[in-house]
């Protein structure tokens, strides 16, 4: 399995764009090392938000133990693209 990690500068731009309209819920379909989440957290937003993230790499999930304890994030060990309604 090949992983591609989003550079922090790209995540920073995305975080500012996504939070512009103060969404209450945010989706990250491929969490990786959590740079998108980190950039959103740095913004000191003045409203309550929750992030749902998907990640299939168990090695990465083991690395993320400290992030998973945060109350405003849910990380699911599933492939986002395999979910069907």
PDB file of N, CA and C in Angstrom:
ATOM      1  N   UNK A   1       0.842  -1.168   0.000  1.00  0.00           N
ATOM      2  CA  UNK A   1       0.000   0.000   0.000  1.00  0.00           C
ATOM      3  C   UNK A   1       0.893   1.239   0.000  1.00  0.00           C
ATOM      4  N   UNK A   2       0.639   2.133  -0.917  1.00  0.00           N
ATOM      5  CA  UNK A   2       1.368   3.390  -0.978  1.00  0.00           C
ATOM      6  C   UNK A   2       0.570   4.468  -0.272  1.00  0.00           C
ATOM      7  N   UNK A   3       1.270   5.274   0.492  1.00  0.00           N
ATOM      8  CA  UNK A   3       0.633   6.394   1.177  1.00  0.00           C
ATOM      9  C   UNK A   3       1.120   7.697   0.567  1.00  0.00           C
ATOM     10  N   UNK A   4       0.234   8.659   0.500  1.00  0.00           N
ATOM     11  CA  UNK A   4       0.594  10.010   0.094  1.00  0.00           C
ATOM     12  C   UNK A   4       0.164  10.928   1.220  1.00  0.00           C
ATOM     13  N   UNK A   5       1.099  11.675   1.760  1.00  0.00           N
ATOM     14  CA  UNK A   5       0.788  12.565   2.876  1.00  0.00           C
ATOM     15  C   UNK A   5       0.718  14.000   2.380  1.00  0.00           C
ATOM     16  N   UNK A   6      -0.353  14.682   2.748  1.00  0.00           N
ATOM     17  CA  UNK A   6      -0.581  16.060   2.326  1.00  0.00           C
ATOM     18  C   UNK A   6       0.421  16.983   3.012  1.00  0.00           C
ATOM     19  N   UNK A   7       1.112  17.819   2.258  1.00  0.00           N
ATOM     20  CA  UNK A   7       2.047  18.781   2.864  1.00  0.00           C
ATOM     21  C   UNK A   7       1.295  19.757   3.774  1.00  0.00           C
ATOM     22  N   UNK A   8       1.944  20.195   4.836  1.00  0.00           N
ATOM     23  CA  UNK A   8       1.274  21.067   5.813  1.00  0.00           C
ATOM     24  C   UNK A   8       0.823  22.389   5.198  1.00  0.00           C
ATOM     25  N   UNK A   9       1.545  22.920   4.222  1.00  0.00           N
ATOM     26  CA  UNK A   9       1.114  24.181   3.589  1.00  0.00           C
ATOM     27  C   UNK A   9      -0.230  23.993   2.876  1.00  0.00           C
ATOM     28  N   UNK A  10      -0.411  22.845   2.241  1.00  0.00           N
ATOM     29  CA  UNK A  10      -1.682  22.548   1.566  1.00  0.00           C
ATOM     30  C   UNK A  10      -2.783  22.359   2.605  1.00  0.00           C
ATOM     31  N   UNK A  11      -2.479  21.649   3.672  1.00  0.00           N
ATOM     32  CA  UNK A  11      -3.459  21.446   4.746  1.00  0.00           C
ATOM     33  C   UNK A  11      -3.861  22.760   5.386  1.00  0.00           C
ATOM     34  N   UNK A  12      -2.913  23.669   5.533  1.00  0.00           N
ATOM     35  CA  UNK A  12      -3.199  24.979   6.111  1.00  0.00           C
ATOM     36  C   UNK A  12      -4.193  25.756   5.246  1.00  0.00           C
ATOM     37  N   UNK A  13      -3.965  25.754   3.960  1.00  0.00           N
ATOM     38  CA  UNK A  13      -4.866  26.442   3.023  1.00  0.00           C
ATOM     39  C   UNK A  13      -6.250  25.797   3.058  1.00  0.00           C
ATOM     40  N   UNK A  14      -6.291  24.468   3.034  1.00  0.00           N
ATOM     41  CA  UNK A  14      -7.566  23.753   3.078  1.00  0.00           C
ATOM     42  C   UNK A  14      -8.315  24.031   4.376  1.00  0.00           C
ATOM     43  N   UNK A  15      -7.602  24.045   5.497  1.00  0.00           N
ATOM     44  CA  UNK A  15      -8.244  24.268   6.798  1.00  0.00           C
ATOM     45  C   UNK A  15      -8.895  25.643   6.856  1.00  0.00           C
ATOM     46  N   UNK A  16      -8.208  26.651   6.375  1.00  0.00           N
ATOM     47  CA  UNK A  16      -8.777  28.005   6.367  1.00  0.00           C
ATOM     48  C   UNK A  16     -10.007  28.074   5.476  1.00  0.00           C
ATOM     49  N   UNK A  17      -9.931  27.423   4.322  1.00  0.00           N
ATOM     50  CA  UNK A  17     -11.049  27.417   3.384  1.00  0.00           C
ATOM     51  C   UNK A  17     -12.250  26.663   3.955  1.00  0.00           C
ATOM     52  N   UNK A  18     -12.014  25.496   4.519  1.00  0.00           N
ATOM     53  CA  UNK A  18     -13.095  24.660   5.053  1.00  0.00           C
ATOM     54  C   UNK A  18     -13.796  25.326   6.230  1.00  0.00           C
ATOM     55  N   UNK A  19     -13.047  25.992   7.098  1.00  0.00           N
ATOM     56  CA  UNK A  19     -13.638  26.577   8.307  1.00  0.00           C
ATOM     57  C   UNK A  19     -14.210  27.972   8.094  1.00  0.00           C
ATOM     58  N   UNK A  20     -14.075  28.477   6.900  1.00  0.00           N
ATOM     59  CA  UNK A  20     -14.553  29.822   6.572  1.00  0.00           C
ATOM     60  C   UNK A  20     -16.025  30.046   6.934  1.00  0.00           C
ATOM     61  N   UNK A  21     -16.861  29.045   6.708  1.00  0.00           N
ATOM     62  CA  UNK A  21     -18.301  29.166   6.973  1.00  0.00           C
ATOM     63  C   UNK A  21     -18.721  28.491   8.275  1.00  0.00           C
ATOM     64  N   UNK A  22     -17.760  28.253   9.154  1.00  0.00           N
ATOM     65  CA  UNK A  22     -17.993  27.696  10.484  1.00  0.00           C
ATOM     66  C   UNK A  22     -18.824  26.406  10.487  1.00  0.00           C
ATOM     67  N   UNK A  23     -18.350  25.368   9.792  1.00  0.00           N
ATOM     68  CA  UNK A  23     -19.093  24.106   9.803  1.00  0.00           C
ATOM     69  C   UNK A  23     -19.028  23.447  11.180  1.00  0.00           C
ATOM     70  N   UNK A  24     -20.089  22.806  11.552  1.00  0.00           N
ATOM     71  CA  UNK A  24     -20.112  22.096  12.831  1.00  0.00           C
ATOM     72  C   UNK A  24     -19.478  20.713  12.706  1.00  0.00           C
ATOM     73  N   UNK A  25     -19.551  20.134  11.507  1.00  0.00           N
ATOM     74  CA  UNK A  25     -18.928  18.826  11.268  1.00  0.00           C
ATOM     75  C   UNK A  25     -18.004  18.920  10.060  1.00  0.00           C
ATOM     76  N   UNK A  26     -16.884  18.223  10.162  1.00  0.00           N
ATOM     77  CA  UNK A  26     -15.882  18.213   9.098  1.00  0.00           C
ATOM     78  C   UNK A  26     -15.519  16.759   8.839  1.00  0.00           C
ATOM     79  N   UNK A  27     -15.330  16.408   7.588  1.00  0.00           N
ATOM     80  CA  UNK A  27     -14.983  15.045   7.194  1.00  0.00           C
ATOM     81  C   UNK A  27     -13.590  15.021   6.593  1.00  0.00           C
ATOM     82  N   UNK A  28     -12.776  14.081   7.051  1.00  0.00           N
ATOM     83  CA  UNK A  28     -11.467  13.836   6.456  1.00  0.00           C
ATOM     84  C   UNK A  28     -11.460  12.380   6.006  1.00  0.00           C
ATOM     85  N   UNK A  29     -11.588  12.121   4.697  1.00  0.00           N
ATOM     86  CA  UNK A  29     -11.705  10.752   4.206  1.00  0.00           C
ATOM     87  C   UNK A  29     -10.413   9.942   4.247  1.00  0.00           C
ATOM     88  N   UNK A  30      -9.283  10.592   4.487  1.00  0.00           N
ATOM     89  CA  UNK A  30      -7.996   9.890   4.549  1.00  0.00           C
ATOM     90  C   UNK A  30      -7.098  10.626   5.546  1.00  0.00           C
ATOM     91  N   UNK A  31      -7.231  10.304   6.816  1.00  0.00           N
ATOM     92  CA  UNK A  31      -6.631  11.058   7.909  1.00  0.00           C
ATOM     93  C   UNK A  31      -5.100  11.105   7.860  1.00  0.00           C
ATOM     94  N   UNK A  32      -4.475   9.992   7.538  1.00  0.00           N
ATOM     95  CA  UNK A  32      -3.007   9.961   7.505  1.00  0.00           C
ATOM     96  C   UNK A  32      -2.428  10.323   8.854  1.00  0.00           C
ATOM     97  N   UNK A  33      -1.443  11.202   8.872  1.00  0.00           N
ATOM     98  CA  UNK A  33      -0.796  11.608  10.120  1.00  0.00           C
ATOM     99  C   UNK A  33      -1.512  12.760  10.810  1.00  0.00           C
ATOM    100  N   UNK A  34      -2.625  13.217  10.251  1.00  0.00           N
ATOM    101  CA  UNK A  34      -3.455  14.201  10.911  1.00  0.00           C
ATOM    102  C   UNK A  34      -3.074  15.653  10.699  1.00  0.00           C
ATOM    103  N   UNK A  35      -2.361  15.956   9.618  1.00  0.00           N
ATOM    104  CA  UNK A  35      -1.943  17.348   9.407  1.00  0.00           C
ATOM    105  C   UNK A  35      -3.134  18.278   9.169  1.00  0.00           C
ATOM    106  N   UNK A  36      -4.175  17.794   8.514  1.00  0.00           N
ATOM    107  CA  UNK A  36      -5.371  18.612   8.291  1.00  0.00           C
ATOM    108  C   UNK A  36      -6.019  18.956   9.643  1.00  0.00           C
ATOM    109  N   UNK A  37      -6.155  17.955  10.492  1.00  0.00           N
ATOM    110  CA  UNK A  37      -6.708  18.151  11.836  1.00  0.00           C
ATOM    111  C   UNK A  37      -5.843  19.134  12.632  1.00  0.00           C
ATOM    112  N   UNK A  38      -4.543  18.978  12.557  1.00  0.00           N
ATOM    113  CA  UNK A  38      -3.635  19.879  13.280  1.00  0.00           C
ATOM    114  C   UNK A  38      -3.795  21.325  12.813  1.00  0.00           C
ATOM    115  N   UNK A  39      -3.921  21.515  11.509  1.00  0.00           N
ATOM    116  CA  UNK A  39      -4.078  22.873  10.977  1.00  0.00           C
ATOM    117  C   UNK A  39      -5.402  23.491  11.408  1.00  0.00           C
ATOM    118  N   UNK A  40      -6.468  22.700  11.433  1.00  0.00           N
ATOM    119  CA  UNK A  40      -7.755  23.212  11.915  1.00  0.00           C
ATOM    120  C   UNK A  40      -7.633  23.585  13.397  1.00  0.00           C
ATOM    121  N   UNK A  41      -6.969  22.749  14.168  1.00  0.00           N
ATOM    122  CA  UNK A  41      -6.811  23.002  15.599  1.00  0.00           C
ATOM    123  C   UNK A  41      -6.018  24.278  15.869  1.00  0.00           C
ATOM    124  N   UNK A  42      -5.099  24.621  15.011  1.00  0.00           N
ATOM    125  CA  UNK A  42      -4.281  25.831  15.178  1.00  0.00           C
ATOM    126  C   UNK A  42      -5.079  27.118  14.959  1.00  0.00           C
ATOM    127  N   UNK A  43      -6.218  27.031  14.303  1.00  0.00           N
ATOM    128  CA  UNK A  43      -6.970  28.224  13.937  1.00  0.00           C
ATOM    129  C   UNK A  43      -7.693  28.898  15.099  1.00  0.00           C
ATOM    130  N   UNK A  44      -7.737  28.282  16.251  1.00  0.00           N
ATOM    131  CA  UNK A  44      -8.429  28.845  17.416  1.00  0.00           C
ATOM    132  C   UNK A  44      -9.836  29.305  17.048  1.00  0.00           C
ATOM    133  N   UNK A  45     -10.587  28.397  16.493  1.00  0.00           N
ATOM    134  CA  UNK A  45     -11.941  28.718  16.039  1.00  0.00           C
ATOM    135  C   UNK A  45     -12.842  29.084  17.209  1.00  0.00           C
ATOM    136  N   UNK A  46     -13.745  30.012  16.971  1.00  0.00           N
ATOM    137  CA  UNK A  46     -14.632  30.520  18.012  1.00  0.00           C
ATOM    138  C   UNK A  46     -15.964  29.770  18.055  1.00  0.00           C
ATOM    139  N   UNK A  47     -16.012  28.583  17.478  1.00  0.00           N
ATOM    140  CA  UNK A  47     -17.238  27.792  17.491  1.00  0.00           C
ATOM    141  C   UNK A  47     -16.875  26.328  17.704  1.00  0.00           C
ATOM    142  N   UNK A  48     -17.848  25.536  18.097  1.00  0.00           N
ATOM    143  CA  UNK A  48     -17.639  24.109  18.341  1.00  0.00           C
ATOM    144  C   UNK A  48     -17.679  23.341  17.028  1.00  0.00           C
ATOM    145  N   UNK A  49     -16.706  22.495  16.792  1.00  0.00           N
ATOM    146  CA  UNK A  49     -16.645  21.677  15.582  1.00  0.00           C
ATOM    147  C   UNK A  49     -16.227  20.265  15.952  1.00  0.00           C
ATOM    148  N   UNK A  50     -16.642  19.323  15.099  1.00  0.00           N
ATOM    149  CA  UNK A  50     -16.275  17.913  15.259  1.00  0.00           C
ATOM    150  C   UNK A  50     -15.765  17.396  13.928  1.00  0.00           C
ATOM    151  N   UNK A  51     -14.732  16.584  13.997  1.00  0.00           N
ATOM    152  CA  UNK A  51     -14.150  16.012  12.789  1.00  0.00           C
ATOM    153  C   UNK A  51     -14.319  14.500  12.822  1.00  0.00           C
ATOM    154  N   UNK A  52     -14.838  13.948  11.737  1.00  0.00           N
ATOM    155  CA  UNK A  52     -14.893  12.504  11.545  1.00  0.00           C
ATOM    156  C   UNK A  52     -13.866  12.173  10.486  1.00  0.00           C
ATOM    157  N   UNK A  53     -12.990  11.230  10.807  1.00  0.00           N
ATOM    158  CA  UNK A  53     -11.905  10.882   9.894  1.00  0.00           C
ATOM    159  C   UNK A  53     -11.882   9.383   9.647  1.00  0.00           C
ATOM    160  N   UNK A  54     -11.401   9.022   8.484  1.00  0.00           N
ATOM    161  CA  UNK A  54     -11.249   7.627   8.096  1.00  0.00           C
ATOM    162  C   UNK A  54      -9.776   7.352   7.836  1.00  0.00           C
ATOM    163  N   UNK A  55      -9.317   6.189   8.302  1.00  0.00           N
ATOM    164  CA  UNK A  55      -7.936   5.778   8.043  1.00  0.00           C
ATOM    165  C   UNK A  55      -7.887   4.253   8.030  1.00  0.00           C
ATOM    166  N   UNK A  56      -7.242   3.685   7.025  1.00  0.00           N
ATOM    167  CA  UNK A  56      -7.188   2.225   6.909  1.00  0.00           C
ATOM    168  C   UNK A  56      -5.845   1.636   7.324  1.00  0.00           C
ATOM    169  N   UNK A  57      -4.832   2.453   7.469  1.00  0.00           N
ATOM    170  CA  UNK A  57      -3.488   1.962   7.805  1.00  0.00           C
ATOM    171  C   UNK A  57      -3.362   1.783   9.321  1.00  0.00           C
ATOM    172  N   UNK A  58      -3.290   0.531   9.755  1.00  0.00           N
ATOM    173  CA  UNK A  58      -3.217   0.245  11.191  1.00  0.00           C
ATOM    174  C   UNK A  58      -1.947   0.777  11.835  1.00  0.00           C
ATOM    175  N   UNK A  59      -0.855   0.841  11.098  1.00  0.00           N
ATOM    176  CA  UNK A  59       0.387   1.403  11.640  1.00  0.00           C
ATOM    177  C   UNK A  59       0.197   2.879  11.977  1.00  0.00           C
ATOM    178  N   UNK A  60      -0.500   3.579  11.112  1.00  0.00           N
ATOM    179  CA  UNK A  60      -0.780   4.989  11.376  1.00  0.00           C
ATOM    180  C   UNK A  60      -1.723   5.124  12.566  1.00  0.00           C
ATOM    181  N   UNK A  61      -2.741   4.284  12.644  1.00  0.00           N
ATOM    182  CA  UNK A  61      -3.680   4.349  13.763  1.00  0.00           C
ATOM    183  C   UNK A  61      -2.977   4.128  15.095  1.00  0.00           C
ATOM    184  N   UNK A  62      -2.015   3.211  15.131  1.00  0.00           N
ATOM    185  CA  UNK A  62      -1.248   2.985  16.362  1.00  0.00           C
ATOM    186  C   UNK A  62      -0.467   4.235  16.740  1.00  0.00           C
ATOM    187  N   UNK A  63       0.048   4.929  15.753  1.00  0.00           N
ATOM    188  CA  UNK A  63       0.805   6.164  15.967  1.00  0.00           C
ATOM    189  C   UNK A  63      -0.085   7.290  16.500  1.00  0.00           C
ATOM    190  N   UNK A  64      -1.376   7.240  16.192  1.00  0.00           N
ATOM    191  CA  UNK A  64      -2.307   8.323  16.516  1.00  0.00           C
ATOM    192  C   UNK A  64      -3.013   8.180  17.856  1.00  0.00           C
ATOM    193  N   UNK A  65      -2.583   7.285  18.701  1.00  0.00           N
ATOM    194  CA  UNK A  65      -3.287   7.050  19.964  1.00  0.00           C
ATOM    195  C   UNK A  65      -3.575   8.322  20.745  1.00  0.00           C
ATOM    196  N   UNK A  66      -2.637   9.243  20.815  1.00  0.00           N
ATOM    197  CA  UNK A  66      -2.852  10.462  21.596  1.00  0.00           C
ATOM    198  C   UNK A  66      -3.891  11.377  20.957  1.00  0.00           C
ATOM    199  N   UNK A  67      -4.008  11.377  19.636  1.00  0.00           N
ATOM    200  CA  UNK A  67      -4.996  12.212  18.954  1.00  0.00           C
ATOM    201  C   UNK A  67      -6.402  11.642  19.139  1.00  0.00           C
ATOM    202  N   UNK A  68      -6.519  10.323  19.148  1.00  0.00           N
ATOM    203  CA  UNK A  68      -7.826   9.685  19.234  1.00  0.00           C
ATOM    204  C   UNK A  68      -8.525   9.959  20.559  1.00  0.00           C
ATOM    205  N   UNK A  69      -7.799  10.398  21.568  1.00  0.00           N
ATOM    206  CA  UNK A  69      -8.398  10.713  22.862  1.00  0.00           C
ATOM    207  C   UNK A  69      -9.070  12.080  22.876  1.00  0.00           C
ATOM    208  N   UNK A  70      -8.865  12.872  21.844  1.00  0.00           N
ATOM    209  CA  UNK A  70      -9.448  14.201  21.778  1.00  0.00           C
ATOM    210  C   UNK A  70     -10.958  14.089  21.582  1.00  0.00           C
ATOM    211  N   UNK A  71     -11.712  14.899  22.308  1.00  0.00           N
ATOM    212  CA  UNK A  71     -13.178  14.787  22.298  1.00  0.00           C
ATOM    213  C   UNK A  71     -13.839  15.262  21.007  1.00  0.00           C
ATOM    214  N   UNK A  72     -13.168  16.072  20.184  1.00  0.00           N
ATOM    215  CA  UNK A  72     -13.823  16.577  18.976  1.00  0.00           C
ATOM    216  C   UNK A  72     -13.398  15.850  17.707  1.00  0.00           C
ATOM    217  N   UNK A  73     -12.860  14.642  17.872  1.00  0.00           N
ATOM    218  CA  UNK A  73     -12.478  13.867  16.695  1.00  0.00           C
ATOM    219  C   UNK A  73     -12.879  12.403  16.866  1.00  0.00           C
ATOM    220  N   UNK A  74     -13.363  11.830  15.775  1.00  0.00           N
ATOM    221  CA  UNK A  74     -13.664  10.408  15.710  1.00  0.00           C
ATOM    222  C   UNK A  74     -12.898   9.852  14.521  1.00  0.00           C
ATOM    223  N   UNK A  75     -12.037   8.876  14.785  1.00  0.00           N
ATOM    224  CA  UNK A  75     -11.268   8.248  13.700  1.00  0.00           C
ATOM    225  C   UNK A  75     -11.793   6.829  13.522  1.00  0.00           C
ATOM    226  N   UNK A  76     -12.244   6.545  12.306  1.00  0.00           N
ATOM    227  CA  UNK A  76     -12.798   5.235  11.982  1.00  0.00           C
ATOM    228  C   UNK A  76     -11.794   4.437  11.160  1.00  0.00           C
ATOM    229  N   UNK A  77     -11.590   3.197  11.539  1.00  0.00           N
ATOM    230  CA  UNK A  77     -10.671   2.310  10.824  1.00  0.00           C
ATOM    231  C   UNK A  77     -11.432   1.626   9.680  1.00  0.00           C
ATOM    232  N   UNK A  78     -11.758   2.439   8.667  1.00  0.00           N
ATOM    233  CA  UNK A  78     -12.514   1.979   7.508  1.00  0.00           C
ATOM    234  C   UNK A  78     -12.022   2.697   6.265  1.00  0.00           C
ATOM    235  N   UNK A  79     -12.266   2.092   5.126  1.00  0.00           N
ATOM    236  CA  UNK A  79     -11.979   2.726   3.845  1.00  0.00           C
ATOM    237  C   UNK A  79     -13.188   3.594   3.477  1.00  0.00           C
ATOM    238  N   UNK A  80     -13.001   4.887   3.452  1.00  0.00           N
ATOM    239  CA  UNK A  80     -14.086   5.810   3.156  1.00  0.00           C
ATOM    240  C   UNK A  80     -14.766   5.488   1.825  1.00  0.00           C
ATOM    241  N   UNK A  81     -13.985   5.069   0.859  1.00  0.00           N
ATOM    242  CA  UNK A  81     -14.534   4.835  -0.477  1.00  0.00           C
ATOM    243  C   UNK A  81     -15.309   3.532  -0.600  1.00  0.00           C
ATOM    244  N   UNK A  82     -15.285   2.710   0.440  1.00  0.00           N
ATOM    245  CA  UNK A  82     -16.055   1.460   0.405  1.00  0.00           C
ATOM    246  C   UNK A  82     -17.387   1.572   1.132  1.00  0.00           C
ATOM    247  N   UNK A  83     -17.671   2.731   1.708  1.00  0.00           N
ATOM    248  CA  UNK A  83     -18.919   2.933   2.439  1.00  0.00           C
ATOM    249  C   UNK A  83     -20.066   3.133   1.459  1.00  0.00           C
ATOM    250  N   UNK A  84     -21.145   2.435   1.724  1.00  0.00           N
ATOM    251  CA  UNK A  84     -22.332   2.551   0.870  1.00  0.00           C
ATOM    252  C   UNK A  84     -23.527   2.874   1.764  1.00  0.00           C
ATOM    253  N   UNK A  85     -24.371   3.748   1.268  1.00  0.00           N
ATOM    254  CA  UNK A  85     -25.594   4.092   2.012  1.00  0.00           C
ATOM    255  C   UNK A  85     -26.733   3.222   1.600  1.00  0.00           C
TER     256      UNK A  85
END
